[in-house]
Amino acid sequence: MKLMQSPLNNLSSEKIKDRLKRNDAAELLMLPLSVGEYHSNWKFAQDICAMLANYESAAMIAT
């Protein structure tokens, strides 16, 4: 497993929705960390994290 050491991005709600639409596994792996750390709306962040917890990608499950 390759470890990443890069800063988290502070993403707007629009950028978060764009990343979800793109469905890129590498972007989705970091998304719950970024949303949980920076998003000002805790309910929005919680919903995103809960949704990604049920994501059916081998890349997401392996982490």
N, C-alpha and C. Protein backbone atom coordinates (compact mmCIF):
# COMPACT_ATOMS: atom_id res chain seq x y z
N MET A 1 0.84 -1.17 0.00
CA MET A 1 0.00 0.00 0.00
C MET A 1 0.89 1.24 0.00
N LYS A 2 0.59 2.15 -0.89
CA LYS A 2 1.36 3.39 -1.00
C LYS A 2 0.78 4.43 -0.04
N LEU A 3 1.61 4.97 0.83
CA LEU A 3 1.17 6.01 1.75
C LEU A 3 1.25 7.37 1.08
N MET A 4 0.23 8.17 1.30
CA MET A 4 0.21 9.51 0.74
C MET A 4 0.44 10.51 1.85
N GLN A 5 1.29 11.47 1.60
CA GLN A 5 1.53 12.52 2.56
C GLN A 5 1.35 13.86 1.88
N SER A 6 0.10 14.23 1.72
CA SER A 6 -0.21 15.50 1.09
C SER A 6 -1.30 16.17 1.91
N PRO A 7 -1.35 17.49 1.87
CA PRO A 7 -2.37 18.20 2.65
C PRO A 7 -3.77 17.92 2.10
N LEU A 8 -4.74 17.96 2.99
CA LEU A 8 -6.14 17.80 2.58
C LEU A 8 -6.61 19.08 1.92
N ASN A 9 -7.47 18.92 0.94
CA ASN A 9 -8.05 20.08 0.26
C ASN A 9 -9.30 20.53 0.99
N ASN A 10 -9.47 21.83 1.12
CA ASN A 10 -10.68 22.41 1.66
C ASN A 10 -11.62 22.64 0.48
N LEU A 11 -12.60 21.75 0.31
CA LEU A 11 -13.45 21.76 -0.87
C LEU A 11 -14.81 22.39 -0.58
N SER A 12 -15.30 23.11 -1.56
CA SER A 12 -16.66 23.66 -1.47
C SER A 12 -17.66 22.52 -1.69
N SER A 13 -18.90 22.76 -1.36
CA SER A 13 -19.95 21.76 -1.58
C SER A 13 -20.04 21.39 -3.06
N GLU A 14 -19.89 22.38 -3.93
CA GLU A 14 -19.94 22.13 -5.37
C GLU A 14 -18.80 21.21 -5.81
N LYS A 15 -17.59 21.47 -5.33
CA LYS A 15 -16.45 20.64 -5.71
C LYS A 15 -16.61 19.22 -5.16
N ILE A 16 -17.19 19.10 -3.98
CA ILE A 16 -17.44 17.77 -3.40
C ILE A 16 -18.42 17.01 -4.29
N LYS A 17 -19.49 17.68 -4.70
CA LYS A 17 -20.48 17.04 -5.57
C LYS A 17 -19.87 16.65 -6.91
N ASP A 18 -18.98 17.50 -7.44
CA ASP A 18 -18.29 17.18 -8.70
C ASP A 18 -17.44 15.93 -8.55
N ARG A 19 -16.73 15.82 -7.44
CA ARG A 19 -15.90 14.63 -7.22
C ARG A 19 -16.74 13.38 -7.10
N LEU A 20 -17.87 13.50 -6.45
CA LEU A 20 -18.77 12.35 -6.34
C LEU A 20 -19.28 11.93 -7.72
N LYS A 21 -19.60 12.89 -8.57
CA LYS A 21 -20.08 12.59 -9.92
C LYS A 21 -19.00 11.93 -10.76
N ARG A 22 -17.74 12.37 -10.61
CA ARG A 22 -16.63 11.79 -11.38
C ARG A 22 -16.37 10.35 -10.98
N ASN A 23 -16.65 10.03 -9.72
CA ASN A 23 -16.52 8.66 -9.23
C ASN A 23 -15.10 8.11 -9.39
N ASP A 24 -14.12 8.97 -9.19
CA ASP A 24 -12.71 8.57 -9.28
C ASP A 24 -12.27 8.04 -7.91
N ALA A 25 -11.84 6.79 -7.86
CA ALA A 25 -11.51 6.14 -6.59
C ALA A 25 -10.44 6.90 -5.81
N ALA A 26 -9.43 7.41 -6.49
CA ALA A 26 -8.35 8.14 -5.79
C ALA A 26 -8.89 9.40 -5.12
N GLU A 27 -9.78 10.10 -5.78
CA GLU A 27 -10.38 11.31 -5.18
C GLU A 27 -11.32 10.94 -4.05
N LEU A 28 -12.09 9.87 -4.23
CA LEU A 28 -13.05 9.47 -3.21
C LEU A 28 -12.39 8.97 -1.94
N LEU A 29 -11.19 8.44 -2.04
CA LEU A 29 -10.48 7.96 -0.85
C LEU A 29 -10.18 9.09 0.12
N MET A 30 -9.86 10.26 -0.39
CA MET A 30 -9.51 11.39 0.45
C MET A 30 -10.71 12.26 0.82
N LEU A 31 -11.81 12.08 0.12
CA LEU A 31 -12.96 12.94 0.31
C LEU A 31 -13.52 12.94 1.74
N PRO A 32 -13.74 11.80 2.38
CA PRO A 32 -14.30 11.86 3.75
C PRO A 32 -13.37 12.56 4.74
N LEU A 33 -12.07 12.43 4.54
CA LEU A 33 -11.12 13.12 5.42
C LEU A 33 -11.23 14.63 5.25
N SER A 34 -11.27 15.06 4.00
CA SER A 34 -11.36 16.49 3.71
C SER A 34 -12.69 17.07 4.19
N VAL A 35 -13.77 16.37 3.89
CA VAL A 35 -15.10 16.85 4.29
C VAL A 35 -15.21 16.90 5.80
N GLY A 36 -14.75 15.85 6.47
CA GLY A 36 -14.82 15.81 7.93
C GLY A 36 -13.98 16.88 8.60
N GLU A 37 -12.87 17.21 7.99
CA GLU A 37 -11.96 18.20 8.57
C GLU A 37 -12.41 19.64 8.32
N TYR A 38 -12.91 19.92 7.13
CA TYR A 38 -13.10 21.32 6.74
C TYR A 38 -14.54 21.79 6.55
N HIS A 39 -15.46 20.90 6.20
CA HIS A 39 -16.79 21.40 5.82
C HIS A 39 -17.52 21.97 7.02
N SER A 40 -18.12 23.12 6.84
CA SER A 40 -18.77 23.83 7.94
C SER A 40 -20.13 23.25 8.32
N ASN A 41 -20.74 22.52 7.41
CA ASN A 41 -22.05 21.92 7.67
C ASN A 41 -21.86 20.47 8.10
N TRP A 42 -21.98 20.21 9.39
CA TRP A 42 -21.71 18.86 9.90
C TRP A 42 -22.66 17.83 9.32
N LYS A 43 -23.90 18.20 9.05
CA LYS A 43 -24.87 17.24 8.50
C LYS A 43 -24.48 16.84 7.09
N PHE A 44 -24.07 17.81 6.28
CA PHE A 44 -23.61 17.52 4.93
C PHE A 44 -22.39 16.59 4.98
N ALA A 45 -21.44 16.91 5.84
CA ALA A 45 -20.23 16.09 5.98
C ALA A 45 -20.59 14.68 6.43
N GLN A 46 -21.49 14.58 7.38
CA GLN A 46 -21.91 13.26 7.88
C GLN A 46 -22.57 12.44 6.78
N ASP A 47 -23.42 13.07 6.00
CA ASP A 47 -24.10 12.37 4.91
C ASP A 47 -23.11 11.87 3.85
N ILE A 48 -22.13 12.69 3.52
CA ILE A 48 -21.12 12.29 2.54
C ILE A 48 -20.32 11.10 3.08
N CYS A 49 -19.89 11.18 4.32
CA CYS A 49 -19.10 10.11 4.92
C CYS A 49 -19.90 8.81 5.02
N ALA A 50 -21.17 8.91 5.39
CA ALA A 50 -22.02 7.72 5.48
C ALA A 50 -22.22 7.10 4.10
N MET A 51 -22.41 7.93 3.10
CA MET A 51 -22.58 7.42 1.75
C MET A 51 -21.32 6.71 1.27
N LEU A 52 -20.15 7.30 1.52
CA LEU A 52 -18.90 6.70 1.09
C LEU A 52 -18.56 5.44 1.88
N ALA A 53 -19.08 5.32 3.10
CA ALA A 53 -18.86 4.10 3.87
C ALA A 53 -19.53 2.90 3.23
N ASN A 54 -20.55 3.15 2.44
CA ASN A 54 -21.26 2.07 1.73
C ASN A 54 -20.84 1.93 0.28
N TYR A 55 -19.79 2.62 -0.10
CA TYR A 55 -19.32 2.61 -1.49
C TYR A 55 -18.80 1.24 -1.85
N GLU A 56 -19.19 0.73 -2.99
CA GLU A 56 -18.84 -0.64 -3.37
C GLU A 56 -17.67 -0.69 -4.36
N SER A 57 -16.56 -0.14 -3.97
CA SER A 57 -15.36 -0.18 -4.81
C SER A 57 -14.27 -0.94 -4.06
N ALA A 58 -13.57 -1.78 -4.77
CA ALA A 58 -12.49 -2.54 -4.14
C ALA A 58 -11.44 -1.60 -3.57
N ALA A 59 -11.20 -0.47 -4.21
CA ALA A 59 -10.21 0.48 -3.72
C ALA A 59 -10.65 1.08 -2.39
N MET A 60 -11.94 1.33 -2.25
CA MET A 60 -12.44 1.92 -1.00
C MET A 60 -12.43 0.88 0.11
N ILE A 61 -12.77 -0.34 -0.19
CA ILE A 61 -12.84 -1.40 0.81
C ILE A 61 -11.45 -1.77 1.31
N ALA A 62 -10.45 -1.71 0.44
CA ALA A 62 -9.09 -2.14 0.79
C ALA A 62 -8.41 -1.22 1.78
N THR A 63 -8.92 -0.02 1.96
CA THR A 63 -8.25 0.92 2.86
C THR A 63 -8.74 0.81 4.26
